[in-house]
Amino acid sequence: MYTNAPTLLSENLILRGPEARDQEPVIAFLQDEDRAAGFGALPNRGDAWRWFALNVGHWAMHGYGYFMIETKAGETAGISGIWNPEGWPEPEVGWVVFDGFEGRSIAYEAACRVRRWAYEDLGFKTITSNIVPGNTRSIRLAERMGAVHERTYQNVHMGEDMLFRHPEPAEVLNS
């Protein structure tokens, strides 16, 4: 394992830190301009590799980052975690599922578990999700999690972005 990320469990998923075996699935996702459009597609393989390394470094610098989402059957299904690189307005919970894993509530289950970890273990008092306008699936997922559109801002990497504010810890942890 490249990081000191904890392993988080949910009903159907295992969230774990990135490992060497995860490089190719993440790079493949990032190079897919259609699938990664709302996340920040990186068609150049070197740039996609650097993003993977950036996530490892993000863990070292912040103590959090993107977890790998693994089904309990051992399939690598996507990523979800807390992201706050230079230029971000504040920490956000994000999610992505890889090709073939849509429609199974994997992103929802993973993001809810990550948010709970942020509140319970990291002591966050608030968290957001930043979503590119037009990414209707992510907007619906954020709203399903109880997040509310707060404002639009200029993301240093993505351009116009919508910031969704998640419910406060007491509301999430007591549900």
N, C-alpha and C. Protein backbone atom coordinates (compact mmCIF):
# COMPACT_ATOMS: atom_id res chain seq x y z
N MET A 1 0.85 -1.18 0.00
CA MET A 1 0.00 0.00 0.00
C MET A 1 0.89 1.24 0.00
N TYR A 2 0.48 2.25 -0.75
CA TYR A 2 1.25 3.48 -0.89
C TYR A 2 1.00 4.50 0.22
N THR A 3 -0.08 4.33 0.97
CA THR A 3 -0.49 5.34 1.95
C THR A 3 -0.77 4.70 3.31
N ASN A 4 -1.06 5.54 4.26
CA ASN A 4 -1.49 5.05 5.57
C ASN A 4 -3.01 5.11 5.70
N ALA A 5 -3.70 5.03 4.59
CA ALA A 5 -5.16 5.10 4.59
C ALA A 5 -5.74 3.94 5.40
N PRO A 6 -6.76 4.23 6.19
CA PRO A 6 -7.44 3.13 6.88
C PRO A 6 -8.26 2.32 5.88
N THR A 7 -8.71 1.18 6.29
CA THR A 7 -9.67 0.40 5.51
C THR A 7 -11.04 0.65 6.11
N LEU A 8 -11.96 1.12 5.29
CA LEU A 8 -13.32 1.38 5.73
C LEU A 8 -14.24 0.32 5.13
N LEU A 9 -15.16 -0.15 5.93
CA LEU A 9 -16.11 -1.16 5.46
C LEU A 9 -17.51 -0.56 5.46
N SER A 10 -18.29 -0.99 4.49
CA SER A 10 -19.71 -0.67 4.47
C SER A 10 -20.43 -1.98 4.17
N GLU A 11 -21.70 -1.92 3.97
CA GLU A 11 -22.46 -3.15 3.78
C GLU A 11 -21.92 -4.02 2.63
N ASN A 12 -21.61 -3.39 1.49
CA ASN A 12 -21.20 -4.13 0.31
C ASN A 12 -19.80 -3.83 -0.19
N LEU A 13 -19.11 -2.88 0.47
CA LEU A 13 -17.86 -2.37 -0.08
C LEU A 13 -16.72 -2.37 0.92
N ILE A 14 -15.52 -2.36 0.36
CA ILE A 14 -14.29 -2.14 1.10
C ILE A 14 -13.63 -0.91 0.48
N LEU A 15 -13.35 0.08 1.31
CA LEU A 15 -12.64 1.27 0.84
C LEU A 15 -11.24 1.19 1.41
N ARG A 16 -10.23 1.24 0.53
CA ARG A 16 -8.85 1.05 0.96
C ARG A 16 -7.95 2.02 0.21
N GLY A 17 -6.75 2.18 0.73
CA GLY A 17 -5.79 3.07 0.08
C GLY A 17 -5.33 2.52 -1.26
N PRO A 18 -4.84 3.41 -2.11
CA PRO A 18 -4.35 2.99 -3.43
C PRO A 18 -3.11 2.12 -3.33
N GLU A 19 -3.04 1.13 -4.21
CA GLU A 19 -1.91 0.20 -4.29
C GLU A 19 -1.42 0.15 -5.74
N ALA A 20 -0.30 -0.49 -5.96
CA ALA A 20 0.27 -0.58 -7.31
C ALA A 20 -0.72 -1.15 -8.31
N ARG A 21 -1.49 -2.14 -7.90
CA ARG A 21 -2.45 -2.79 -8.82
C ARG A 21 -3.57 -1.86 -9.27
N ASP A 22 -3.71 -0.71 -8.61
CA ASP A 22 -4.79 0.23 -8.93
C ASP A 22 -4.39 1.25 -10.00
N GLN A 23 -3.11 1.33 -10.32
CA GLN A 23 -2.67 2.34 -11.28
C GLN A 23 -3.38 2.21 -12.62
N GLU A 24 -3.40 1.03 -13.18
CA GLU A 24 -3.98 0.85 -14.52
C GLU A 24 -5.48 1.15 -14.56
N PRO A 25 -6.29 0.65 -13.61
CA PRO A 25 -7.72 1.00 -13.67
C PRO A 25 -7.97 2.50 -13.52
N VAL A 26 -7.22 3.18 -12.66
CA VAL A 26 -7.40 4.62 -12.49
C VAL A 26 -6.94 5.35 -13.74
N ILE A 27 -5.80 4.99 -14.28
CA ILE A 27 -5.30 5.64 -15.50
C ILE A 27 -6.29 5.42 -16.65
N ALA A 28 -6.81 4.22 -16.79
CA ALA A 28 -7.78 3.94 -17.86
C ALA A 28 -9.01 4.81 -17.71
N PHE A 29 -9.51 4.95 -16.49
CA PHE A 29 -10.66 5.82 -16.26
C PHE A 29 -10.33 7.26 -16.65
N LEU A 30 -9.22 7.78 -16.16
CA LEU A 30 -8.86 9.17 -16.41
C LEU A 30 -8.64 9.47 -17.89
N GLN A 31 -8.17 8.48 -18.65
CA GLN A 31 -7.93 8.68 -20.08
C GLN A 31 -9.20 8.57 -20.91
N ASP A 32 -10.28 8.11 -20.33
CA ASP A 32 -11.55 7.99 -21.03
C ASP A 32 -12.26 9.35 -20.97
N GLU A 33 -12.14 10.11 -22.05
CA GLU A 33 -12.64 11.49 -22.04
C GLU A 33 -14.14 11.58 -21.77
N ASP A 34 -14.93 10.61 -22.20
CA ASP A 34 -16.37 10.64 -21.94
C ASP A 34 -16.67 10.31 -20.48
N ARG A 35 -16.11 9.23 -19.99
CA ARG A 35 -16.41 8.80 -18.61
C ARG A 35 -15.84 9.76 -17.58
N ALA A 36 -14.69 10.33 -17.83
CA ALA A 36 -14.03 11.19 -16.84
C ALA A 36 -14.30 12.68 -17.06
N ALA A 37 -15.22 13.01 -17.95
CA ALA A 37 -15.47 14.43 -18.25
C ALA A 37 -15.82 15.24 -17.01
N GLY A 38 -16.65 14.73 -16.14
CA GLY A 38 -17.06 15.46 -14.94
C GLY A 38 -16.04 15.42 -13.82
N PHE A 39 -15.00 14.64 -14.00
CA PHE A 39 -13.97 14.49 -12.97
C PHE A 39 -12.69 15.23 -13.34
N GLY A 40 -12.50 15.35 -14.63
CA GLY A 40 -11.27 15.96 -15.12
C GLY A 40 -10.48 14.96 -15.94
N ALA A 41 -10.96 14.68 -17.13
CA ALA A 41 -10.31 13.71 -18.01
C ALA A 41 -8.88 14.15 -18.31
N LEU A 42 -8.00 13.16 -18.38
CA LEU A 42 -6.59 13.40 -18.69
C LEU A 42 -6.17 12.42 -19.79
N PRO A 43 -6.41 12.78 -21.05
CA PRO A 43 -6.14 11.84 -22.14
C PRO A 43 -4.68 11.46 -22.29
N ASN A 44 -3.77 12.29 -21.80
CA ASN A 44 -2.35 11.98 -21.86
C ASN A 44 -2.02 11.02 -20.71
N ARG A 45 -1.47 9.85 -21.06
CA ARG A 45 -1.18 8.83 -20.04
C ARG A 45 -0.27 9.35 -18.93
N GLY A 46 0.73 10.15 -19.27
CA GLY A 46 1.63 10.70 -18.26
C GLY A 46 0.89 11.58 -17.27
N ASP A 47 -0.05 12.39 -17.76
CA ASP A 47 -0.85 13.24 -16.87
C ASP A 47 -1.73 12.38 -15.97
N ALA A 48 -2.31 11.32 -16.52
CA ALA A 48 -3.15 10.43 -15.72
C ALA A 48 -2.31 9.73 -14.65
N TRP A 49 -1.11 9.30 -15.00
CA TRP A 49 -0.21 8.69 -14.01
C TRP A 49 0.11 9.70 -12.91
N ARG A 50 0.38 10.95 -13.30
CA ARG A 50 0.68 11.99 -12.31
C ARG A 50 -0.49 12.23 -11.37
N TRP A 51 -1.73 12.13 -11.89
CA TRP A 51 -2.89 12.28 -10.99
C TRP A 51 -2.89 11.15 -9.97
N PHE A 52 -2.61 9.93 -10.41
CA PHE A 52 -2.56 8.81 -9.47
C PHE A 52 -1.51 9.09 -8.38
N ALA A 53 -0.33 9.56 -8.78
CA ALA A 53 0.73 9.89 -7.82
C ALA A 53 0.31 11.07 -6.95
N LEU A 54 -0.41 12.02 -7.52
CA LEU A 54 -0.92 13.16 -6.74
C LEU A 54 -1.83 12.67 -5.62
N ASN A 55 -2.67 11.69 -5.90
CA ASN A 55 -3.56 11.16 -4.87
C ASN A 55 -2.74 10.54 -3.73
N VAL A 56 -1.70 9.81 -4.08
CA VAL A 56 -0.82 9.22 -3.04
C VAL A 56 -0.21 10.34 -2.20
N GLY A 57 0.29 11.38 -2.85
CA GLY A 57 0.86 12.51 -2.14
C GLY A 57 -0.17 13.27 -1.32
N HIS A 58 -1.38 13.35 -1.82
CA HIS A 58 -2.47 14.01 -1.10
C HIS A 58 -2.68 13.32 0.25
N TRP A 59 -2.66 11.99 0.25
CA TRP A 59 -2.78 11.24 1.50
C TRP A 59 -1.65 11.62 2.46
N ALA A 60 -0.44 11.70 1.95
CA ALA A 60 0.72 12.01 2.80
C ALA A 60 0.61 13.42 3.38
N MET A 61 0.13 14.37 2.59
CA MET A 61 0.08 15.76 3.03
C MET A 61 -1.12 16.08 3.91
N HIS A 62 -2.26 15.48 3.61
CA HIS A 62 -3.50 15.82 4.32
C HIS A 62 -3.97 14.74 5.31
N GLY A 63 -3.54 13.51 5.11
CA GLY A 63 -4.08 12.42 5.93
C GLY A 63 -5.40 11.89 5.40
N TYR A 64 -5.75 12.31 4.20
CA TYR A 64 -6.94 11.81 3.51
C TYR A 64 -6.74 12.00 2.01
N GLY A 65 -7.57 11.34 1.24
CA GLY A 65 -7.50 11.40 -0.21
C GLY A 65 -8.56 10.47 -0.77
N TYR A 66 -8.34 10.01 -1.99
CA TYR A 66 -9.29 9.08 -2.60
C TYR A 66 -8.95 7.65 -2.21
N PHE A 67 -9.97 6.95 -1.71
CA PHE A 67 -9.90 5.51 -1.46
C PHE A 67 -10.21 4.78 -2.76
N MET A 68 -9.71 3.58 -2.87
CA MET A 68 -10.16 2.68 -3.92
C MET A 68 -11.43 2.01 -3.42
N ILE A 69 -12.43 1.92 -4.27
CA ILE A 69 -13.67 1.22 -3.93
C ILE A 69 -13.53 -0.20 -4.45
N GLU A 70 -13.69 -1.15 -3.56
CA GLU A 70 -13.62 -2.56 -3.93
C GLU A 70 -14.91 -3.23 -3.45
N THR A 71 -15.50 -4.04 -4.31
CA THR A 71 -16.66 -4.80 -3.87
C THR A 71 -16.17 -5.92 -2.95
N LYS A 72 -17.06 -6.46 -2.16
CA LYS A 72 -16.65 -7.55 -1.27
C LYS A 72 -16.31 -8.81 -2.07
N ALA A 73 -16.66 -8.81 -3.37
CA ALA A 73 -16.26 -9.90 -4.27
C ALA A 73 -14.85 -9.67 -4.83
N GLY A 74 -14.22 -8.54 -4.47
CA GLY A 74 -12.85 -8.28 -4.89
C GLY A 74 -12.69 -7.48 -6.17
N GLU A 75 -13.77 -6.91 -6.70
CA GLU A 75 -13.70 -6.13 -7.93
C GLU A 75 -13.36 -4.67 -7.60
N THR A 76 -12.45 -4.07 -8.34
CA THR A 76 -12.14 -2.65 -8.17
C THR A 76 -13.19 -1.88 -8.95
N ALA A 77 -14.02 -1.12 -8.22
CA ALA A 77 -15.22 -0.53 -8.80
C ALA A 77 -15.12 0.98 -9.01
N GLY A 78 -14.13 1.66 -8.41
CA GLY A 78 -14.04 3.11 -8.57
C GLY A 78 -13.22 3.72 -7.46
N ILE A 79 -13.44 5.02 -7.25
CA ILE A 79 -12.76 5.74 -6.18
C ILE A 79 -13.74 6.66 -5.49
N SER A 80 -13.52 6.89 -4.21
CA SER A 80 -14.29 7.87 -3.45
C SER A 80 -13.42 8.32 -2.30
N GLY A 81 -13.50 9.59 -1.97
CA GLY A 81 -12.69 10.08 -0.87
C GLY A 81 -12.86 11.56 -0.66
N ILE A 82 -11.92 12.12 0.08
CA ILE A 82 -11.93 13.54 0.38
C ILE A 82 -10.77 14.18 -0.36
N TRP A 83 -11.08 15.27 -1.05
CA TRP A 83 -10.12 15.90 -1.94
C TRP A 83 -10.04 17.38 -1.60
N ASN A 84 -8.82 17.88 -1.45
CA ASN A 84 -8.63 19.29 -1.14
C ASN A 84 -7.25 19.75 -1.60
N PRO A 85 -6.97 19.68 -2.90
CA PRO A 85 -5.66 20.14 -3.38
C PRO A 85 -5.59 21.67 -3.39
N GLU A 86 -4.43 22.18 -3.65
CA GLU A 86 -4.23 23.62 -3.76
C GLU A 86 -5.24 24.20 -4.75
N GLY A 87 -5.90 25.29 -4.36
CA GLY A 87 -6.87 25.94 -5.23
C GLY A 87 -8.31 25.54 -4.97
N TRP A 88 -8.54 24.50 -4.19
CA TRP A 88 -9.91 24.07 -3.88
C TRP A 88 -10.47 25.00 -2.81
N PRO A 89 -11.77 25.29 -2.84
CA PRO A 89 -12.33 26.19 -1.83
C PRO A 89 -12.35 25.58 -0.43
N GLU A 90 -12.49 24.28 -0.33
CA GLU A 90 -12.49 23.56 0.95
C GLU A 90 -12.58 22.07 0.63
N PRO A 91 -12.41 21.21 1.64
CA PRO A 91 -12.47 19.77 1.36
C PRO A 91 -13.82 19.34 0.80
N GLU A 92 -13.74 18.41 -0.12
CA GLU A 92 -14.97 17.86 -0.72
C GLU A 92 -14.95 16.35 -0.68
N VAL A 93 -16.13 15.76 -0.63
CA VAL A 93 -16.24 14.32 -0.82
C VAL A 93 -16.58 14.10 -2.29
N GLY A 94 -15.81 13.22 -2.93
CA GLY A 94 -16.01 12.95 -4.35
C GLY A 94 -16.15 11.45 -4.60
N TRP A 95 -16.57 11.12 -5.78
CA TRP A 95 -16.82 9.72 -6.13
C TRP A 95 -16.75 9.53 -7.64
N VAL A 96 -16.40 8.33 -8.02
CA VAL A 96 -16.38 7.90 -9.42
C VAL A 96 -16.55 6.39 -9.40
N VAL A 97 -17.37 5.87 -10.28
CA VAL A 97 -17.39 4.42 -10.47
C VAL A 97 -16.88 4.12 -11.87
N PHE A 98 -16.16 3.03 -11.98
CA PHE A 98 -15.58 2.63 -13.25
C PHE A 98 -16.65 1.99 -14.13
N ASP A 99 -16.31 1.85 -15.40
CA ASP A 99 -17.21 1.27 -16.39
C ASP A 99 -17.72 -0.08 -15.92
N GLY A 100 -19.04 -0.26 -16.01
CA GLY A 100 -19.66 -1.52 -15.64
C GLY A 100 -20.18 -1.55 -14.21
N PHE A 101 -19.94 -0.51 -13.43
CA PHE A 101 -20.36 -0.50 -12.03
C PHE A 101 -21.45 0.54 -11.76
N GLU A 102 -21.97 1.18 -12.79
CA GLU A 102 -23.04 2.16 -12.62
C GLU A 102 -24.34 1.46 -12.23
N GLY A 103 -25.22 2.24 -11.60
CA GLY A 103 -26.57 1.75 -11.33
C GLY A 103 -26.67 0.74 -10.21
N ARG A 104 -25.61 0.58 -9.41
CA ARG A 104 -25.63 -0.40 -8.32
C ARG A 104 -25.51 0.28 -6.95
N SER A 105 -25.66 1.59 -6.91
CA SER A 105 -25.55 2.41 -5.68
C SER A 105 -24.17 2.33 -5.04
N ILE A 106 -23.17 1.96 -5.82
CA ILE A 106 -21.80 1.86 -5.30
C ILE A 106 -21.27 3.23 -4.93
N ALA A 107 -21.44 4.21 -5.81
CA ALA A 107 -20.94 5.56 -5.52
C ALA A 107 -21.63 6.12 -4.29
N TYR A 108 -22.93 5.93 -4.18
CA TYR A 108 -23.68 6.44 -3.03
C TYR A 108 -23.19 5.80 -1.74
N GLU A 109 -23.09 4.49 -1.72
CA GLU A 109 -22.65 3.79 -0.51
C GLU A 109 -21.23 4.19 -0.12
N ALA A 110 -20.35 4.29 -1.09
CA ALA A 110 -18.96 4.68 -0.81
C ALA A 110 -18.89 6.11 -0.30
N ALA A 111 -19.56 7.04 -0.97
CA ALA A 111 -19.50 8.45 -0.58
C ALA A 111 -20.10 8.67 0.81
N CYS A 112 -21.18 7.97 1.11
CA CYS A 112 -21.77 8.08 2.46
C CYS A 112 -20.80 7.57 3.51
N ARG A 113 -20.11 6.48 3.22
CA ARG A 113 -19.15 5.94 4.19
C ARG A 113 -17.96 6.89 4.36
N VAL A 114 -17.49 7.47 3.28
CA VAL A 114 -16.38 8.43 3.34
C VAL A 114 -16.80 9.65 4.16
N ARG A 115 -18.00 10.16 3.92
CA ARG A 115 -18.48 11.34 4.66
C ARG A 115 -18.57 11.04 6.15
N ARG A 116 -19.06 9.86 6.49
CA ARG A 116 -19.15 9.47 7.91
C ARG A 116 -17.74 9.43 8.52
N TRP A 117 -16.77 8.89 7.80
CA TRP A 117 -15.38 8.84 8.27
C TRP A 117 -14.85 10.25 8.49
N ALA A 118 -15.14 11.16 7.56
CA ALA A 118 -14.68 12.55 7.69
C ALA A 118 -15.23 13.19 8.96
N TYR A 119 -16.48 12.92 9.27
CA TYR A 119 -17.11 13.52 10.45
C TYR A 119 -16.68 12.81 11.73
N GLU A 120 -16.72 11.48 11.72
CA GLU A 120 -16.41 10.72 12.95
C GLU A 120 -14.92 10.70 13.29
N ASP A 121 -14.10 10.40 12.32
CA ASP A 121 -12.69 10.15 12.59
C ASP A 121 -11.79 11.36 12.35
N LEU A 122 -12.12 12.19 11.39
CA LEU A 122 -11.29 13.35 11.09
C LEU A 122 -11.78 14.61 11.79
N GLY A 123 -12.99 14.57 12.32
CA GLY A 123 -13.53 15.71 13.03
C GLY A 123 -13.99 16.86 12.16
N PHE A 124 -14.25 16.60 10.87
CA PHE A 124 -14.75 17.66 9.99
C PHE A 124 -16.08 18.17 10.53
N LYS A 125 -16.30 19.46 10.40
CA LYS A 125 -17.57 20.09 10.81
C LYS A 125 -18.47 20.36 9.62
N THR A 126 -17.89 20.30 8.43
CA THR A 126 -18.64 20.52 7.19
C THR A 126 -17.87 19.86 6.06
N ILE A 127 -18.57 19.60 4.98
CA ILE A 127 -17.93 19.05 3.79
C ILE A 127 -18.80 19.39 2.58
N THR A 128 -18.17 19.50 1.43
CA THR A 128 -18.88 19.85 0.21
C THR A 128 -18.67 18.76 -0.84
N SER A 129 -19.36 18.91 -1.94
CA SER A 129 -19.07 18.18 -3.18
C SER A 129 -19.10 19.20 -4.29
N ASN A 130 -18.08 19.19 -5.14
CA ASN A 130 -17.96 20.13 -6.24
C ASN A 130 -18.29 19.38 -7.53
N ILE A 131 -19.29 19.88 -8.25
CA ILE A 131 -19.80 19.15 -9.40
C ILE A 131 -19.89 20.07 -10.62
N VAL A 132 -19.39 19.59 -11.74
CA VAL A 132 -19.45 20.34 -12.99
C VAL A 132 -20.91 20.46 -13.43
N PRO A 133 -21.36 21.66 -13.79
CA PRO A 133 -22.74 21.81 -14.28
C PRO A 133 -23.02 20.82 -15.41
N GLY A 134 -24.20 20.25 -15.38
CA GLY A 134 -24.59 19.28 -16.39
C GLY A 134 -24.30 17.84 -16.01
N ASN A 135 -23.54 17.61 -14.94
CA ASN A 135 -23.26 16.25 -14.48
C ASN A 135 -24.44 15.80 -13.62
N THR A 136 -25.54 15.49 -14.30
CA THR A 136 -26.80 15.23 -13.61
C THR A 136 -26.74 14.03 -12.66
N ARG A 137 -25.98 13.01 -13.02
CA ARG A 137 -25.90 11.83 -12.13
C ARG A 137 -25.24 12.20 -10.81
N SER A 138 -24.17 12.98 -10.85
CA SER A 138 -23.51 13.39 -9.61
C SER A 138 -24.36 14.38 -8.83
N ILE A 139 -25.06 15.25 -9.51
CA ILE A 139 -25.96 16.18 -8.82
C ILE A 139 -27.04 15.39 -8.08
N ARG A 140 -27.64 14.42 -8.75
CA ARG A 140 -28.67 13.59 -8.10
C ARG A 140 -28.10 12.84 -6.91
N LEU A 141 -26.88 12.32 -7.04
CA LEU A 141 -26.27 11.59 -5.93
C LEU A 141 -26.02 12.53 -4.74
N ALA A 142 -25.49 13.72 -5.00
CA ALA A 142 -25.26 14.69 -3.92
C ALA A 142 -26.58 15.03 -3.23
N GLU A 143 -27.62 15.26 -4.01
CA GLU A 143 -28.93 15.58 -3.43
C GLU A 143 -29.49 14.40 -2.64
N ARG A 144 -29.28 13.19 -3.13
CA ARG A 144 -29.70 11.98 -2.40
C ARG A 144 -29.00 11.89 -1.05
N MET A 145 -27.76 12.38 -0.98
CA MET A 145 -27.01 12.41 0.27
C MET A 145 -27.43 13.57 1.17
N GLY A 146 -28.37 14.39 0.71
CA GLY A 146 -28.84 15.52 1.49
C GLY A 146 -28.08 16.81 1.25
N ALA A 147 -27.15 16.82 0.29
CA ALA A 147 -26.38 18.03 -0.01
C ALA A 147 -27.26 19.02 -0.79
N VAL A 148 -27.00 20.30 -0.55
CA VAL A 148 -27.78 21.37 -1.17
C VAL A 148 -26.84 22.29 -1.95
N HIS A 149 -27.27 22.67 -3.16
CA HIS A 149 -26.46 23.59 -3.96
C HIS A 149 -26.34 24.91 -3.22
N GLU A 150 -25.10 25.33 -2.98
CA GLU A 150 -24.84 26.55 -2.24
C GLU A 150 -24.44 27.71 -3.16
N ARG A 151 -23.55 27.41 -4.12
CA ARG A 151 -23.07 28.47 -5.01
C ARG A 151 -22.33 27.85 -6.18
N THR A 152 -22.07 28.69 -7.17
CA THR A 152 -21.22 28.33 -8.30
C THR A 152 -19.93 29.11 -8.15
N TYR A 153 -18.82 28.52 -8.52
CA TYR A 153 -17.53 29.19 -8.41
C TYR A 153 -16.64 28.75 -9.56
N GLN A 154 -15.49 29.38 -9.71
CA GLN A 154 -14.52 29.02 -10.75
C GLN A 154 -13.47 28.08 -10.16
N ASN A 155 -13.53 26.83 -10.54
CA ASN A 155 -12.57 25.83 -10.10
C ASN A 155 -11.30 26.02 -10.94
N VAL A 156 -10.15 26.02 -10.27
CA VAL A 156 -8.89 26.30 -10.97
C VAL A 156 -8.56 25.26 -12.04
N HIS A 157 -9.14 24.06 -11.94
CA HIS A 157 -8.86 23.01 -12.90
C HIS A 157 -10.03 22.69 -13.83
N MET A 158 -11.24 22.87 -13.31
CA MET A 158 -12.42 22.42 -14.05
C MET A 158 -13.24 23.55 -14.65
N GLY A 159 -12.92 24.80 -14.34
CA GLY A 159 -13.74 25.92 -14.80
C GLY A 159 -14.93 26.08 -13.87
N GLU A 160 -16.10 26.39 -14.44
CA GLU A 160 -17.29 26.59 -13.62
C GLU A 160 -17.64 25.31 -12.89
N ASP A 161 -17.87 25.42 -11.60
CA ASP A 161 -18.20 24.28 -10.75
C ASP A 161 -19.32 24.68 -9.80
N MET A 162 -20.13 23.71 -9.46
CA MET A 162 -21.21 23.91 -8.50
C MET A 162 -20.77 23.32 -7.16
N LEU A 163 -20.90 24.09 -6.09
CA LEU A 163 -20.53 23.62 -4.76
C LEU A 163 -21.81 23.23 -4.02
N PHE A 164 -21.87 21.96 -3.61
CA PHE A 164 -22.99 21.43 -2.84
C PHE A 164 -22.52 21.24 -1.40
N ARG A 165 -23.31 21.74 -0.44
CA ARG A 165 -22.98 21.62 0.98
C ARG A 165 -23.73 20.43 1.57
N HIS A 166 -22.98 19.54 2.22
CA HIS A 166 -23.59 18.37 2.85
C HIS A 166 -24.15 18.72 4.22
N PRO A 167 -25.09 17.91 4.71
CA PRO A 167 -25.63 18.15 6.05
C PRO A 167 -24.52 18.12 7.11
N GLU A 168 -24.76 18.79 8.21
CA GLU A 168 -23.79 18.86 9.30
C GLU A 168 -23.62 17.49 9.95
N PRO A 169 -22.50 17.30 10.68
CA PRO A 169 -22.21 15.99 11.29
C PRO A 169 -23.36 15.43 12.14
N ALA A 170 -23.95 16.23 12.99
CA ALA A 170 -25.01 15.72 13.87
C ALA A 170 -26.15 15.11 13.07
N GLU A 171 -26.49 15.72 11.95
CA GLU A 171 -27.57 15.21 11.11
C GLU A 171 -27.20 13.88 10.45
N VAL A 172 -25.94 13.76 10.02
CA VAL A 172 -25.47 12.54 9.35
C VAL A 172 -25.24 11.41 10.34
N LEU A 173 -24.59 11.73 11.45
CA LEU A 173 -24.18 10.68 12.39
C LEU A 173 -25.34 10.15 13.23
N ASN A 174 -26.42 10.91 13.31
CA ASN A 174 -27.58 10.45 14.09
C ASN A 174 -28.64 9.79 13.23
N SER A 175 -28.30 9.55 11.97
CA SER A 175 -29.29 8.92 11.09
C SER A 175 -29.02 7.45 10.91
